[in-house]
Amino acid sequence: MLGIGGGGDVVGSLAVARRCEELGTPFVLGGVAWERLPVDPKPGPRPVAEIENADPLGRHAVLARPETSTPEGVRFSESHVAEHLGSPTVLIDITSGARGAAEGIGAAAGLLGCDLVVYVDIGGDAIAAGTEPGLGSPLCDAIMIAAGIELDARIAGAVGLLGAGCDGELTVDEVLARIASLAAAGAWIGSSSVTREHADEIERAAAATGTEASLQVVRCARGEHGVAEIRGGRRQVPLGPLGAMGFYFDLEAAGSALPLAGAVAGSERLEHAREALNGMGVSTELDYERDRAAQRPG
């Protein structure tokens, strides 16, 4: 079970993991080694060489413990979740693009005995078309889904979308339109809901991570309705029952309907993937973080 958007996606993924567990399937949880600027002031994701106090899983993945951090001492969301679970989590290094991420996911799945990978996104940007005005962080998701598609012949995969609109990027209508496109492609395989027990656990796990999107899922699961502000008021989130729903898609069938993942497929460096999306007119979270870092005093 991989939270694919970096930051706190691993926290919201707990709801999907617990649902699998309730159905009799044990899980290993993980995510991407990329904390956002409010947590990690260095722009961009971290390579394995900059992840400390972790156990290697091949060249592009590590097993994270509660003390796993950057060299500057910044703990990853996966470190906090490892502490919450009392068991290690997986961190994927995406600095070598989709090819490196595929190698990391494959190595981790093989060493940990996983025969299915669920790529979980909180909000909906992972299934974006690229034309949505509010789209702000498509790069990490696109690389991870492209990696999953590359691996799919060897390790089965599914895409999970939880908390439609809860990251304040795509609108609810835009997310629903994209779900419809995936359904038309024959990819939609099922849905679930976040229970109050799942919401309570997400809230506990999120306490130390700084994640906002996953906490909006909690609010939706508890029956809140209306509009909330996140990101210091820069983004608005519609609260309601849809935000507590999960939608699941067959990875192979979804591939043809996910243009952003298609654009970064085969990339061997993060820069190649970023340039591919920029070439489509899509700005990425890496562009944003670099711009913000350049504006810092000194």
Protein backbone atom coordinates (compact mmCIF):
# COMPACT_ATOMS: atom_id res chain seq x y z
CA MET A 1 0.00 0.00 0.00
CA LEU A 2 1.83 3.11 -1.22
CA GLY A 3 0.78 6.72 -0.71
CA ILE A 4 1.99 8.08 -4.04
CA GLY A 5 1.80 11.86 -3.70
CA GLY A 6 4.54 12.36 -1.14
CA GLY A 7 3.97 14.16 2.14
CA GLY A 8 0.99 12.85 4.07
CA ASP A 9 -0.59 10.56 1.46
CA VAL A 10 0.77 7.63 3.47
CA VAL A 11 -1.45 8.70 6.37
CA GLY A 12 -4.71 8.67 4.40
CA SER A 13 -3.64 5.38 2.84
CA LEU A 14 -4.15 3.82 6.27
CA ALA A 15 -7.90 3.76 5.60
CA VAL A 16 -7.38 1.67 2.45
CA ALA A 17 -4.88 -0.56 4.25
CA ARG A 18 -7.28 -1.22 7.11
CA ARG A 19 -10.07 -2.03 4.65
CA CYS A 20 -7.81 -4.63 3.03
CA GLU A 21 -6.99 -6.02 6.45
CA GLU A 22 -10.69 -6.32 7.27
CA LEU A 23 -11.07 -8.38 4.10
CA GLY A 24 -8.33 -10.74 5.24
CA THR A 25 -5.34 -9.26 3.40
CA PRO A 26 -2.32 -8.17 5.46
CA PHE A 27 -0.53 -5.01 4.32
CA VAL A 28 2.78 -3.19 4.32
CA LEU A 29 2.42 0.59 4.17
CA GLY A 30 4.75 3.02 2.43
CA GLY A 31 5.15 6.18 0.39
CA VAL A 32 7.59 8.50 -1.35
CA ALA A 33 10.64 10.20 0.18
CA TRP A 34 9.34 13.71 -0.49
CA GLU A 35 8.17 15.95 2.34
CA ARG A 36 6.72 19.31 1.36
CA LEU A 37 8.46 22.64 2.09
CA PRO A 38 6.70 23.36 5.40
CA VAL A 39 8.26 20.12 6.70
CA ASP A 40 11.49 19.75 4.69
CA PRO A 41 12.97 23.09 3.51
CA LYS A 42 15.05 21.42 0.79
CA PRO A 43 13.10 21.42 -2.52
CA GLY A 44 12.30 18.11 -4.15
CA PRO A 45 12.38 14.46 -3.15
CA ARG A 46 15.25 12.83 -1.30
CA PRO A 47 17.45 10.10 -2.82
CA VAL A 48 18.36 7.02 -0.81
CA ALA A 49 21.78 8.59 -0.09
CA GLU A 50 20.00 11.33 1.90
CA ILE A 51 17.84 9.00 4.00
CA GLU A 52 19.38 8.12 7.36
CA ASN A 53 18.61 5.43 9.94
CA ALA A 54 16.86 3.18 7.43
CA ASP A 55 17.41 -0.30 6.02
CA PRO A 56 18.11 -0.58 2.26
CA LEU A 57 15.70 -2.39 -0.04
CA GLY A 58 17.74 -2.32 -3.22
CA ARG A 59 19.00 0.91 -4.82
CA HIS A 60 15.80 2.98 -4.80
CA ALA A 61 13.89 2.04 -1.65
CA VAL A 62 14.45 1.74 2.08
CA LEU A 63 12.60 0.39 5.07
CA ALA A 64 11.82 3.30 7.36
CA ARG A 65 11.78 3.21 11.15
CA PRO A 66 10.46 5.88 13.55
CA GLU A 67 13.91 7.51 13.62
CA THR A 68 14.39 7.57 9.83
CA SER A 69 15.14 11.12 8.67
CA THR A 70 16.98 13.39 6.26
CA PRO A 71 20.60 14.33 7.11
CA GLU A 72 19.20 17.54 8.63
CA GLY A 73 17.01 15.55 11.02
CA VAL A 74 13.66 15.97 9.24
CA ARG A 75 11.55 12.87 9.82
CA PHE A 76 9.40 11.57 6.98
CA SER A 77 5.64 11.04 7.27
CA GLU A 78 6.44 7.35 6.80
CA SER A 79 8.66 7.54 9.91
CA HIS A 80 5.76 8.88 11.96
CA VAL A 81 3.45 6.20 10.56
CA ALA A 82 6.03 3.53 11.37
CA GLU A 83 5.94 4.78 14.96
CA HIS A 84 2.13 4.73 14.95
CA LEU A 85 1.96 1.18 13.57
CA GLY A 86 4.85 -0.21 15.57
CA SER A 87 6.27 -1.66 12.34
CA PRO A 88 8.49 -0.34 9.52
CA THR A 89 7.17 1.39 6.41
CA VAL A 90 8.61 1.66 2.89
CA LEU A 91 10.15 4.79 1.37
CA ILE A 92 10.51 4.98 -2.43
CA ASP A 93 13.20 7.16 -4.03
CA ILE A 94 11.88 8.79 -7.23
CA THR A 95 14.96 10.85 -8.11
CA SER A 96 15.75 8.39 -10.92
CA GLY A 97 12.34 8.91 -12.50
CA ALA A 98 9.79 6.22 -13.30
CA ARG A 99 12.46 3.63 -14.08
CA GLY A 100 14.15 4.04 -10.71
CA ALA A 101 10.83 4.12 -8.86
CA ALA A 102 9.79 0.88 -10.61
CA GLU A 103 13.03 -0.76 -9.53
CA GLY A 104 12.49 0.43 -5.95
CA ILE A 105 8.88 -0.70 -5.76
CA GLY A 106 9.74 -4.06 -7.32
CA ALA A 107 12.62 -4.67 -4.93
CA ALA A 108 10.55 -3.70 -1.89
CA ALA A 109 7.60 -5.85 -2.94
CA GLY A 110 9.85 -8.84 -3.59
CA LEU A 111 11.78 -8.59 -0.33
CA LEU A 112 8.63 -8.03 1.74
CA GLY A 113 6.56 -10.75 0.04
CA CYS A 114 3.91 -8.46 -1.48
CA ASP A 115 2.00 -9.71 -4.55
CA LEU A 116 -0.18 -6.62 -5.09
CA VAL A 117 0.66 -2.91 -4.92
CA VAL A 118 -2.12 -0.37 -4.38
CA TYR A 119 -1.05 3.14 -5.41
CA VAL A 120 -3.12 5.48 -3.24
CA ASP A 121 -3.68 9.18 -3.91
CA ILE A 122 -5.45 11.60 -1.59
CA GLY A 123 -7.43 14.23 -3.48
CA GLY A 124 -7.52 13.18 -7.13
CA ASP A 125 -4.55 14.82 -8.83
CA ALA A 126 -3.13 11.37 -9.66
CA ILE A 127 -5.89 10.82 -12.22
CA ALA A 128 -5.88 14.38 -13.60
CA ALA A 129 -5.95 15.13 -17.31
CA GLY A 130 -3.44 17.97 -16.88
CA THR A 131 -5.79 20.75 -17.97
CA GLU A 132 -7.38 21.42 -14.56
CA PRO A 133 -6.65 25.02 -13.41
CA GLY A 134 -6.02 24.07 -9.78
CA LEU A 135 -3.65 21.18 -10.47
CA GLY A 136 -0.52 21.78 -8.38
CA SER A 137 1.32 18.55 -7.59
CA PRO A 138 1.11 16.11 -10.50
CA LEU A 139 4.76 15.01 -10.77
CA CYS A 140 5.14 12.59 -7.87
CA ASP A 141 1.84 10.81 -8.59
CA ALA A 142 2.60 10.54 -12.31
CA ILE A 143 6.03 9.01 -11.71
CA MET A 144 4.66 6.46 -9.25
CA ILE A 145 1.77 5.40 -11.48
CA ALA A 146 4.10 5.16 -14.50
CA ALA A 147 6.39 2.99 -12.38
CA GLY A 148 3.46 0.78 -11.42
CA ILE A 149 2.40 0.37 -15.04
CA GLU A 150 5.96 -0.61 -15.96
CA LEU A 151 5.91 -3.22 -13.19
CA ASP A 152 2.38 -4.46 -13.81
CA ALA A 153 3.34 -7.52 -15.84
CA ARG A 154 5.40 -8.72 -12.85
CA ILE A 155 3.55 -7.30 -9.84
CA ALA A 156 -0.20 -6.65 -10.02
CA GLY A 157 -1.27 -3.10 -9.30
CA ALA A 158 -4.33 -1.00 -8.60
CA VAL A 159 -4.88 2.73 -8.20
CA GLY A 160 -6.80 3.94 -5.15
CA LEU A 161 -8.32 7.43 -4.96
CA LEU A 162 -9.45 8.64 -1.56
CA GLY A 163 -10.90 11.99 -0.52
CA ALA A 164 -12.01 13.53 -3.83
CA GLY A 165 -11.06 17.22 -3.77
CA CYS A 166 -9.56 17.02 -0.26
CA ASP A 167 -6.17 18.38 -1.37
CA GLY A 168 -7.77 21.52 -2.82
CA GLU A 169 -6.42 20.91 -6.34
CA LEU A 170 -9.09 19.34 -8.56
CA THR A 171 -12.70 20.29 -7.94
CA VAL A 172 -15.18 17.57 -7.08
CA ASP A 173 -16.73 17.86 -10.55
CA GLU A 174 -13.30 17.48 -12.15
CA VAL A 175 -12.54 14.38 -10.06
CA LEU A 176 -15.90 12.85 -10.96
CA ALA A 177 -15.27 13.54 -14.64
CA ARG A 178 -11.94 11.76 -14.43
CA ILE A 179 -13.50 8.80 -12.58
CA ALA A 180 -16.06 8.60 -15.39
CA SER A 181 -13.24 8.55 -17.97
CA LEU A 182 -11.55 5.68 -16.15
CA ALA A 183 -14.86 3.84 -15.90
CA ALA A 184 -15.32 4.27 -19.66
CA ALA A 185 -11.86 2.75 -20.14
CA GLY A 186 -13.00 -0.31 -18.16
CA ALA A 187 -10.70 0.46 -15.22
CA TRP A 188 -13.12 1.11 -12.31
CA ILE A 189 -13.23 -2.02 -10.15
CA GLY A 190 -14.89 -0.93 -6.90
CA SER A 191 -15.45 1.58 -4.13
CA SER A 192 -15.39 1.75 -0.34
CA SER A 193 -16.01 4.24 2.45
CA VAL A 194 -13.95 5.52 5.36
CA THR A 195 -15.48 4.37 8.63
CA ARG A 196 -15.43 6.36 11.85
CA GLU A 197 -12.82 3.93 13.18
CA HIS A 198 -10.62 4.53 10.12
CA ALA A 199 -11.05 8.28 10.54
CA ASP A 200 -10.04 8.13 14.19
CA GLU A 201 -6.87 6.24 13.30
CA ILE A 202 -5.99 8.63 10.47
CA GLU A 203 -6.33 11.53 12.91
CA ARG A 204 -4.01 9.85 15.42
CA ALA A 205 -1.43 8.96 12.77
CA ALA A 206 -1.56 12.45 11.25
CA ALA A 207 -0.85 14.28 14.49
CA ALA A 208 2.92 14.60 13.97
CA THR A 209 3.05 14.78 10.16
CA GLY A 210 1.63 18.18 9.24
CA THR A 211 -0.65 16.66 6.60
CA GLU A 212 -3.83 18.59 5.81
CA ALA A 213 -5.49 16.67 2.97
CA SER A 214 -5.83 13.42 4.93
CA LEU A 215 -7.39 15.32 7.83
CA GLN A 216 -10.09 16.64 5.49
CA VAL A 217 -10.98 13.01 4.77
CA VAL A 218 -11.43 12.60 8.52
CA ARG A 219 -13.78 15.57 8.64
CA CYS A 220 -15.80 14.19 5.73
CA ALA A 221 -16.08 10.77 7.39
CA ARG A 222 -17.44 12.45 10.52
CA GLY A 223 -20.24 14.12 8.61
CA GLU A 224 -18.96 17.66 8.11
CA HIS A 225 -20.33 19.54 5.12
CA GLY A 226 -19.30 22.86 3.65
CA VAL A 227 -15.99 24.44 2.63
CA ALA A 228 -12.68 24.35 4.51
CA GLU A 229 -9.45 26.22 3.85
CA ILE A 230 -6.02 24.57 3.76
CA ARG A 231 -2.50 25.63 2.76
CA GLY A 232 -2.78 28.86 4.73
CA GLY A 233 -5.98 29.81 2.90
CA ARG A 234 -4.52 29.29 -0.60
CA ARG A 235 -6.74 26.26 -1.27
CA GLN A 236 -10.37 25.48 -0.53
CA VAL A 237 -11.72 21.99 0.12
CA PRO A 238 -15.37 20.92 -0.28
CA LEU A 239 -16.38 18.80 2.71
CA GLY A 240 -19.07 16.16 2.29
CA PRO A 241 -19.75 12.44 1.98
CA LEU A 242 -17.80 12.09 -1.29
CA GLY A 243 -14.61 13.00 0.57
CA ALA A 244 -14.99 9.84 2.66
CA MET A 245 -15.22 7.55 -0.38
CA GLY A 246 -12.49 5.47 -1.98
CA PHE A 247 -12.47 4.55 -5.69
CA TYR A 248 -10.30 1.75 -7.08
CA PHE A 249 -9.04 1.18 -10.61
CA ASP A 250 -7.23 -1.59 -12.42
CA LEU A 251 -3.79 -0.21 -13.17
CA GLU A 252 -3.33 -1.77 -16.60
CA ALA A 253 -6.76 -0.66 -17.84
CA ALA A 254 -6.30 2.83 -16.36
CA GLY A 255 -3.03 3.44 -18.16
CA SER A 256 -4.55 4.61 -21.45
CA ALA A 257 -6.69 7.18 -19.61
CA LEU A 258 -3.86 8.71 -17.53
CA PRO A 259 -1.96 11.10 -19.82
CA LEU A 260 0.37 12.47 -17.14
CA ALA A 261 1.66 9.02 -16.23
CA GLY A 262 2.05 8.31 -19.93
CA ALA A 263 4.14 11.44 -20.37
CA VAL A 264 6.70 10.44 -17.73
CA ALA A 265 6.80 6.72 -18.60
CA GLY A 266 10.34 5.46 -19.07
CA SER A 267 11.94 8.52 -17.47
CA GLU A 268 15.31 7.84 -15.88
CA ARG A 269 15.72 11.10 -14.00
CA LEU A 270 13.37 13.32 -12.04
CA GLU A 271 14.29 16.20 -14.35
CA HIS A 272 13.24 14.23 -17.41
CA ALA A 273 9.82 13.64 -15.88
CA ARG A 274 9.45 17.28 -14.84
CA GLU A 275 10.40 18.47 -18.32
CA ALA A 276 7.90 16.07 -19.90
CA LEU A 277 5.05 17.57 -17.88
CA ASN A 278 6.27 21.12 -18.47
CA GLY A 279 6.24 20.30 -22.19
CA MET A 280 2.51 19.59 -21.87
CA GLY A 281 2.00 22.99 -20.25
CA VAL A 282 1.73 21.43 -16.76
CA SER A 283 3.52 23.07 -13.84
CA THR A 284 4.66 20.77 -11.05
CA GLU A 285 5.27 20.79 -7.32
CA LEU A 286 9.02 20.71 -8.02
CA ASP A 287 8.75 23.97 -9.99
CA TYR A 288 6.77 25.49 -7.11
CA GLU A 289 9.25 24.37 -4.44
CA ARG A 290 12.24 25.65 -6.38
CA ASP A 291 10.55 29.01 -6.97
CA ARG A 292 9.69 29.33 -3.27
CA ALA A 293 13.21 28.39 -2.21
CA ALA A 294 14.67 31.00 -4.57
CA GLN A 295 12.53 33.68 -2.91
CA ARG A 296 13.84 32.99 0.59
CA PRO A 297 15.86 35.82 2.15
CA GLY A 298 19.60 35.19 1.90
